[in-house]
């Protein structure tokens, strides 16, 4: 398993998260939410998501390398 295959398999999950985040941005723009709040939401939303995906990749890679 390489990184390209792994992230390609996670593409629907990433796309769904991006669409939901973009909807939140649009709604935030409509209600005149400050940009810093939108950036903080981005960090809170995507930092754990990306961290989880990287950790899961290395765990799965280790598992498949041992087989």
C-alpha atoms as a PDB file:
ATOM      1  CA  UNK A   1       0.000   0.000   0.000  1.00  0.00           C
ATOM      2  CA  UNK A   2       1.403   3.384  -0.923  1.00  0.00           C
ATOM      3  CA  UNK A   3       0.248   6.847   0.067  1.00  0.00           C
ATOM      4  CA  UNK A   4      -1.288   7.637  -3.324  1.00  0.00           C
ATOM      5  CA  UNK A   5      -3.552   4.562  -3.221  1.00  0.00           C
ATOM      6  CA  UNK A   6      -4.525   5.209   0.389  1.00  0.00           C
ATOM      7  CA  UNK A   7      -5.478   8.844  -0.114  1.00  0.00           C
ATOM      8  CA  UNK A   8      -7.250   8.007  -3.376  1.00  0.00           C
ATOM      9  CA  UNK A   9      -9.375   5.494  -1.441  1.00  0.00           C
ATOM     10  CA  UNK A  10     -10.189   8.235   1.085  1.00  0.00           C
ATOM     11  CA  UNK A  11     -11.161  10.746  -1.634  1.00  0.00           C
ATOM     12  CA  UNK A  12     -14.953  10.466  -1.112  1.00  0.00           C
ATOM     13  CA  UNK A  13     -14.519  11.063   2.621  1.00  0.00           C
ATOM     14  CA  UNK A  14     -12.285  14.093   2.014  1.00  0.00           C
ATOM     15  CA  UNK A  15     -14.642  15.503  -0.641  1.00  0.00           C
ATOM     16  CA  UNK A  16     -17.666  15.160   1.638  1.00  0.00           C
ATOM     17  CA  UNK A  17     -15.817  16.978   4.423  1.00  0.00           C
ATOM     18  CA  UNK A  18     -14.763  19.748   2.038  1.00  0.00           C
ATOM     19  CA  UNK A  19     -18.328  20.198   0.778  1.00  0.00           C
ATOM     20  CA  UNK A  20     -19.682  20.435   4.321  1.00  0.00           C
ATOM     21  CA  UNK A  21     -16.943  22.911   5.249  1.00  0.00           C
ATOM     22  CA  UNK A  22     -17.695  25.013   2.166  1.00  0.00           C
ATOM     23  CA  UNK A  23     -21.374  25.088   3.156  1.00  0.00           C
ATOM     24  CA  UNK A  24     -20.339  26.341   6.584  1.00  0.00           C
ATOM     25  CA  UNK A  25     -18.180  29.010   4.907  1.00  0.00           C
ATOM     26  CA  UNK A  26     -21.084  30.145   2.749  1.00  0.00           C
ATOM     27  CA  UNK A  27     -23.403  30.309   5.731  1.00  0.00           C
ATOM     28  CA  UNK A  28     -20.716  32.137   7.700  1.00  0.00           C
ATOM     29  CA  UNK A  29     -20.335  34.630   4.878  1.00  0.00           C
ATOM     30  CA  UNK A  30     -24.067  35.219   4.801  1.00  0.00           C
ATOM     31  CA  UNK A  31     -24.160  36.060   8.512  1.00  0.00           C
ATOM     32  CA  UNK A  32     -20.927  38.125   8.246  1.00  0.00           C
ATOM     33  CA  UNK A  33     -18.828  35.791  10.401  1.00  0.00           C
ATOM     34  CA  UNK A  34     -15.272  37.123  10.904  1.00  0.00           C
ATOM     35  CA  UNK A  35     -12.574  35.477   8.795  1.00  0.00           C
ATOM     36  CA  UNK A  36     -10.556  34.469  11.854  1.00  0.00           C
ATOM     37  CA  UNK A  37     -13.506  32.433  13.148  1.00  0.00           C
ATOM     38  CA  UNK A  38     -13.763  30.657   9.787  1.00  0.00           C
ATOM     39  CA  UNK A  39     -10.038  29.906   9.912  1.00  0.00           C
ATOM     40  CA  UNK A  40     -10.346  28.526  13.449  1.00  0.00           C
ATOM     41  CA  UNK A  41     -13.222  26.319  12.294  1.00  0.00           C
ATOM     42  CA  UNK A  42     -10.980  25.106   9.453  1.00  0.00           C
ATOM     43  CA  UNK A  43      -8.208  24.215  11.912  1.00  0.00           C
ATOM     44  CA  UNK A  44     -10.577  22.483  14.319  1.00  0.00           C
ATOM     45  CA  UNK A  45     -12.206  20.581  11.448  1.00  0.00           C
ATOM     46  CA  UNK A  46      -9.274  19.515   9.293  1.00  0.00           C
ATOM     47  CA  UNK A  47      -6.297  19.218  11.672  1.00  0.00           C
ATOM     48  CA  UNK A  48      -7.746  16.197  13.505  1.00  0.00           C
ATOM     49  CA  UNK A  49      -9.035  14.754  10.216  1.00  0.00           C
ATOM     50  CA  UNK A  50      -5.653  14.945   8.488  1.00  0.00           C
ATOM     51  CA  UNK A  51      -3.810  13.773  11.606  1.00  0.00           C
ATOM     52  CA  UNK A  52      -6.112  10.768  11.902  1.00  0.00           C
ATOM     53  CA  UNK A  53      -5.667   9.887   8.235  1.00  0.00           C
ATOM     54  CA  UNK A  54      -1.866  10.058   8.482  1.00  0.00           C
ATOM     55  CA  UNK A  55      -1.801   7.900  11.620  1.00  0.00           C
ATOM     56  CA  UNK A  56      -4.217   5.402  10.069  1.00  0.00           C
ATOM     57  CA  UNK A  57      -2.069   5.244   6.927  1.00  0.00           C
ATOM     58  CA  UNK A  58       1.057   4.332   8.887  1.00  0.00           C
ATOM     59  CA  UNK A  59      -0.806   1.746  10.976  1.00  0.00           C
ATOM     60  CA  UNK A  60      -2.289   0.098   7.870  1.00  0.00           C
ATOM     61  CA  UNK A  61       1.028   0.306   6.030  1.00  0.00           C
ATOM     62  CA  UNK A  62       2.775  -1.448   8.919  1.00  0.00           C
ATOM     63  CA  UNK A  63       0.054  -4.115   9.000  1.00  0.00           C
ATOM     64  CA  UNK A  64       0.220  -4.806   5.250  1.00  0.00           C
ATOM     65  CA  UNK A  65       4.021  -4.757   5.208  1.00  0.00           C
ATOM     66  CA  UNK A  66       4.057  -7.506   7.854  1.00  0.00           C
ATOM     67  CA  UNK A  67       1.762  -9.770   5.837  1.00  0.00           C
END
